Amino acid sequence: MKRKYRVGPYVDLDKDPITLPSGRVLDEVAAREMARDTLRGLRRGRPSLHGESGTSPEVRFRLEPQVKEELDAFARHRVLTPSQVMRDALRMYLDEHAS
């Protein structure tokens, strides 16, 4: 398997700082700050379904293999995820059977 990225040798930025195209000198402290800022900017996990920060409740259940294959084919044909199909189906079921 060919790797997309190659890891080079370790560089001690305190001994051999690098000057970036912007002119900023990249030493160990600056490298840690850049890494921290980059990681802070990354989103972790999936966005909540209700549009607010936090997590959405999760429900898990098992399916027969044939039903799972049908679900996957149905979702793929409609360019949806299986989760979107199941959420829509449950919403329709609950609306139809509300008392």
N, C-alpha and C. Protein backbone atom coordinates (compact mmCIF):
# COMPACT_ATOMS: atom_id res chain seq x y z
N MET A 1 0.85 -1.18 0.00
CA MET A 1 0.00 0.00 0.00
C MET A 1 0.89 1.24 0.00
N LYS A 2 0.66 2.13 -0.95
CA LYS A 2 1.43 3.36 -1.03
C LYS A 2 0.81 4.40 -0.09
N ARG A 3 1.64 5.04 0.70
CA ARG A 3 1.16 6.03 1.65
C ARG A 3 1.07 7.40 1.00
N LYS A 4 0.04 8.14 1.39
CA LYS A 4 -0.15 9.48 0.86
C LYS A 4 0.87 10.46 1.43
N TYR A 5 1.20 10.27 2.71
CA TYR A 5 2.12 11.17 3.38
C TYR A 5 3.34 10.39 3.85
N ARG A 6 4.43 11.08 3.94
CA ARG A 6 5.65 10.45 4.37
C ARG A 6 6.13 11.17 5.62
N VAL A 7 6.51 10.41 6.64
CA VAL A 7 7.03 11.00 7.86
C VAL A 7 8.53 11.16 7.70
N GLY A 8 8.99 12.36 7.91
CA GLY A 8 10.41 12.62 7.76
C GLY A 8 11.14 12.46 9.08
N PRO A 9 12.40 12.80 9.08
CA PRO A 9 13.19 12.67 10.30
C PRO A 9 12.75 13.70 11.34
N TYR A 10 13.03 13.39 12.59
CA TYR A 10 12.72 14.31 13.68
C TYR A 10 13.56 15.57 13.53
N VAL A 11 12.95 16.70 13.74
CA VAL A 11 13.66 17.98 13.68
C VAL A 11 13.52 18.65 15.03
N ASP A 12 14.63 19.03 15.62
CA ASP A 12 14.61 19.78 16.87
C ASP A 12 14.53 21.26 16.50
N LEU A 13 13.35 21.82 16.59
CA LEU A 13 13.12 23.20 16.15
C LEU A 13 13.80 24.22 17.04
N ASP A 14 14.21 23.81 18.25
CA ASP A 14 14.97 24.74 19.09
C ASP A 14 16.40 24.85 18.59
N LYS A 15 16.94 23.75 18.04
CA LYS A 15 18.29 23.79 17.49
C LYS A 15 18.29 24.34 16.06
N ASP A 16 17.31 23.92 15.28
CA ASP A 16 17.23 24.31 13.87
C ASP A 16 15.84 24.85 13.55
N PRO A 17 15.53 26.09 14.00
CA PRO A 17 14.21 26.65 13.70
C PRO A 17 14.02 26.82 12.19
N ILE A 18 12.78 26.79 11.78
CA ILE A 18 12.43 26.93 10.37
C ILE A 18 11.71 28.26 10.21
N THR A 19 12.03 28.97 9.15
CA THR A 19 11.32 30.21 8.86
C THR A 19 10.23 29.88 7.84
N LEU A 20 9.00 30.15 8.21
CA LEU A 20 7.86 29.88 7.33
C LEU A 20 7.77 30.94 6.24
N PRO A 21 7.06 30.64 5.14
CA PRO A 21 6.92 31.63 4.07
C PRO A 21 6.36 32.97 4.56
N SER A 22 5.59 32.94 5.65
CA SER A 22 5.03 34.18 6.20
C SER A 22 6.09 35.02 6.92
N GLY A 23 7.27 34.41 7.15
CA GLY A 23 8.32 35.10 7.89
C GLY A 23 8.36 34.70 9.35
N ARG A 24 7.35 34.01 9.82
CA ARG A 24 7.30 33.56 11.22
C ARG A 24 8.35 32.48 11.44
N VAL A 25 9.06 32.58 12.55
CA VAL A 25 10.05 31.56 12.90
C VAL A 25 9.34 30.45 13.66
N LEU A 26 9.51 29.24 13.15
CA LEU A 26 8.85 28.08 13.76
C LEU A 26 9.84 27.37 14.67
N ASP A 27 9.68 27.60 15.98
CA ASP A 27 10.47 26.87 16.96
C ASP A 27 9.53 25.92 17.69
N GLU A 28 10.02 25.22 18.68
CA GLU A 28 9.19 24.22 19.38
C GLU A 28 7.94 24.86 20.01
N VAL A 29 8.09 26.03 20.61
CA VAL A 29 6.95 26.70 21.25
C VAL A 29 5.91 27.08 20.19
N ALA A 30 6.36 27.67 19.09
CA ALA A 30 5.44 28.08 18.03
C ALA A 30 4.75 26.86 17.41
N ALA A 31 5.50 25.75 17.25
CA ALA A 31 4.93 24.53 16.68
C ALA A 31 3.83 23.98 17.59
N ARG A 32 4.06 24.00 18.91
CA ARG A 32 3.03 23.53 19.86
C ARG A 32 1.80 24.43 19.80
N GLU A 33 2.02 25.74 19.71
CA GLU A 33 0.89 26.68 19.61
C GLU A 33 0.08 26.43 18.34
N MET A 34 0.77 26.22 17.23
CA MET A 34 0.08 25.97 15.96
C MET A 34 -0.71 24.67 16.03
N ALA A 35 -0.11 23.63 16.61
CA ALA A 35 -0.80 22.34 16.74
C ALA A 35 -2.02 22.50 17.63
N ARG A 36 -1.89 23.20 18.75
CA ARG A 36 -3.02 23.41 19.66
C ARG A 36 -4.14 24.17 18.97
N ASP A 37 -3.80 25.23 18.24
CA ASP A 37 -4.81 26.02 17.53
C ASP A 37 -5.51 25.20 16.45
N THR A 38 -4.74 24.38 15.77
CA THR A 38 -5.32 23.52 14.72
C THR A 38 -6.28 22.52 15.33
N LEU A 39 -5.87 21.86 16.40
CA LEU A 39 -6.74 20.87 17.05
C LEU A 39 -7.98 21.51 17.64
N ARG A 40 -7.85 22.71 18.17
CA ARG A 40 -8.99 23.41 18.75
C ARG A 40 -10.03 23.73 17.67
N GLY A 41 -9.56 23.98 16.46
CA GLY A 41 -10.47 24.32 15.38
C GLY A 41 -11.17 23.13 14.75
N LEU A 42 -10.71 21.94 15.04
CA LEU A 42 -11.34 20.76 14.46
C LEU A 42 -12.65 20.46 15.16
N ARG A 43 -13.64 20.03 14.38
CA ARG A 43 -14.90 19.60 14.98
C ARG A 43 -14.74 18.15 15.40
N ARG A 44 -15.26 17.83 16.54
CA ARG A 44 -15.18 16.47 17.02
C ARG A 44 -16.55 15.84 16.93
N GLY A 45 -16.63 14.69 16.29
CA GLY A 45 -17.89 13.97 16.19
C GLY A 45 -18.82 14.59 15.18
N ARG A 46 -20.02 14.10 15.19
CA ARG A 46 -21.03 14.57 14.25
C ARG A 46 -21.81 15.73 14.86
N PRO A 47 -22.34 16.59 14.02
CA PRO A 47 -23.15 17.69 14.56
C PRO A 47 -24.44 17.16 15.17
N SER A 48 -24.95 17.86 16.16
CA SER A 48 -26.19 17.43 16.79
C SER A 48 -27.34 17.57 15.80
N LEU A 49 -28.36 16.78 15.99
CA LEU A 49 -29.52 16.81 15.09
C LEU A 49 -30.46 17.97 15.40
N HIS A 50 -30.34 18.55 16.59
CA HIS A 50 -31.26 19.63 16.97
C HIS A 50 -30.65 21.00 16.77
N GLY A 51 -29.45 21.07 16.15
CA GLY A 51 -28.87 22.36 15.80
C GLY A 51 -28.17 23.09 16.92
N GLU A 52 -28.24 22.59 18.13
CA GLU A 52 -27.56 23.21 19.25
C GLU A 52 -26.31 22.41 19.57
N SER A 53 -25.44 22.98 20.38
CA SER A 53 -24.26 22.21 20.76
C SER A 53 -24.69 21.09 21.69
N GLY A 54 -23.91 20.07 21.74
CA GLY A 54 -24.24 18.92 22.57
C GLY A 54 -24.46 17.69 21.70
N THR A 55 -24.85 16.63 22.35
CA THR A 55 -25.04 15.39 21.62
C THR A 55 -26.52 15.08 21.45
N SER A 56 -26.82 14.36 20.40
CA SER A 56 -28.19 13.90 20.16
C SER A 56 -28.34 12.52 20.77
N PRO A 57 -29.51 12.21 21.31
CA PRO A 57 -29.71 10.87 21.86
C PRO A 57 -29.52 9.82 20.78
N GLU A 58 -29.10 8.65 21.18
CA GLU A 58 -28.85 7.57 20.24
C GLU A 58 -29.66 6.35 20.65
N VAL A 59 -30.26 5.69 19.66
CA VAL A 59 -31.00 4.45 19.88
C VAL A 59 -30.40 3.39 18.98
N ARG A 60 -30.09 2.25 19.53
CA ARG A 60 -29.52 1.16 18.73
C ARG A 60 -30.46 -0.02 18.75
N PHE A 61 -30.57 -0.69 17.60
CA PHE A 61 -31.33 -1.93 17.54
C PHE A 61 -30.79 -2.80 16.43
N ARG A 62 -31.15 -4.07 16.45
CA ARG A 62 -30.63 -5.02 15.50
C ARG A 62 -31.65 -5.31 14.42
N LEU A 63 -31.15 -5.66 13.23
CA LEU A 63 -32.00 -5.97 12.09
C LEU A 63 -31.60 -7.33 11.51
N GLU A 64 -32.54 -7.95 10.82
CA GLU A 64 -32.20 -9.14 10.06
C GLU A 64 -31.31 -8.71 8.89
N PRO A 65 -30.38 -9.56 8.46
CA PRO A 65 -29.46 -9.18 7.37
C PRO A 65 -30.19 -8.71 6.11
N GLN A 66 -31.29 -9.36 5.74
CA GLN A 66 -32.01 -8.98 4.53
C GLN A 66 -32.61 -7.58 4.67
N VAL A 67 -33.13 -7.25 5.84
CA VAL A 67 -33.71 -5.92 6.06
C VAL A 67 -32.60 -4.86 5.99
N LYS A 68 -31.43 -5.17 6.54
CA LYS A 68 -30.31 -4.24 6.49
C LYS A 68 -29.89 -4.00 5.04
N GLU A 69 -29.84 -5.05 4.23
CA GLU A 69 -29.48 -4.90 2.82
C GLU A 69 -30.51 -4.03 2.09
N GLU A 70 -31.79 -4.25 2.39
CA GLU A 70 -32.84 -3.44 1.77
C GLU A 70 -32.73 -1.98 2.20
N LEU A 71 -32.48 -1.76 3.47
CA LEU A 71 -32.31 -0.39 3.98
C LEU A 71 -31.16 0.31 3.29
N ASP A 72 -30.02 -0.37 3.20
CA ASP A 72 -28.85 0.23 2.57
C ASP A 72 -29.11 0.56 1.10
N ALA A 73 -29.77 -0.36 0.39
CA ALA A 73 -30.07 -0.13 -1.03
C ALA A 73 -31.05 1.04 -1.18
N PHE A 74 -32.07 1.07 -0.33
CA PHE A 74 -33.07 2.15 -0.36
C PHE A 74 -32.39 3.50 -0.14
N ALA A 75 -31.56 3.56 0.89
CA ALA A 75 -30.87 4.81 1.23
C ALA A 75 -29.92 5.23 0.11
N ARG A 76 -29.16 4.28 -0.41
CA ARG A 76 -28.21 4.60 -1.48
C ARG A 76 -28.93 5.14 -2.71
N HIS A 77 -30.06 4.51 -3.06
CA HIS A 77 -30.83 4.93 -4.23
C HIS A 77 -31.35 6.36 -4.08
N ARG A 78 -31.64 6.78 -2.86
CA ARG A 78 -32.18 8.11 -2.60
C ARG A 78 -31.12 9.10 -2.10
N VAL A 79 -29.87 8.68 -2.13
CA VAL A 79 -28.73 9.50 -1.69
C VAL A 79 -28.97 10.00 -0.26
N LEU A 80 -29.32 9.07 0.60
CA LEU A 80 -29.51 9.35 2.02
C LEU A 80 -28.65 8.38 2.81
N THR A 81 -28.52 8.64 4.10
CA THR A 81 -27.87 7.66 4.96
C THR A 81 -28.95 6.75 5.54
N PRO A 82 -28.58 5.53 5.90
CA PRO A 82 -29.55 4.67 6.56
C PRO A 82 -30.16 5.32 7.81
N SER A 83 -29.37 6.09 8.53
CA SER A 83 -29.90 6.78 9.72
C SER A 83 -30.99 7.76 9.36
N GLN A 84 -30.80 8.50 8.26
CA GLN A 84 -31.84 9.45 7.83
C GLN A 84 -33.13 8.72 7.47
N VAL A 85 -33.00 7.59 6.78
CA VAL A 85 -34.19 6.81 6.41
C VAL A 85 -34.90 6.33 7.66
N MET A 86 -34.15 5.80 8.62
CA MET A 86 -34.77 5.28 9.85
C MET A 86 -35.42 6.39 10.67
N ARG A 87 -34.77 7.56 10.73
CA ARG A 87 -35.39 8.69 11.46
C ARG A 87 -36.70 9.10 10.81
N ASP A 88 -36.69 9.21 9.47
CA ASP A 88 -37.91 9.60 8.76
C ASP A 88 -39.01 8.56 8.95
N ALA A 89 -38.65 7.28 8.86
CA ALA A 89 -39.64 6.21 9.01
C ALA A 89 -40.24 6.22 10.42
N LEU A 90 -39.41 6.40 11.42
CA LEU A 90 -39.91 6.43 12.79
C LEU A 90 -40.82 7.64 13.00
N ARG A 91 -40.43 8.79 12.47
CA ARG A 91 -41.26 9.99 12.60
C ARG A 91 -42.63 9.75 11.96
N MET A 92 -42.65 9.15 10.76
CA MET A 92 -43.92 8.86 10.08
C MET A 92 -44.75 7.87 10.90
N TYR A 93 -44.13 6.85 11.44
CA TYR A 93 -44.84 5.86 12.25
C TYR A 93 -45.44 6.51 13.49
N LEU A 94 -44.65 7.31 14.18
CA LEU A 94 -45.15 7.97 15.40
C LEU A 94 -46.27 8.93 15.10
N ASP A 95 -46.15 9.69 14.00
CA ASP A 95 -47.22 10.61 13.61
C ASP A 95 -48.51 9.86 13.29
N GLU A 96 -48.37 8.75 12.59
CA GLU A 96 -49.54 7.96 12.18
C GLU A 96 -50.23 7.29 13.37
N HIS A 97 -49.45 6.92 14.38
CA HIS A 97 -50.02 6.18 15.51
C HIS A 97 -50.16 7.03 16.78
N ALA A 98 -50.09 8.32 16.63
CA ALA A 98 -50.23 9.19 17.82
C ALA A 98 -51.67 9.10 18.32
N SER A 99 -51.81 9.14 19.62
CA SER A 99 -53.18 9.08 20.16
C SER A 99 -53.66 10.40 20.65
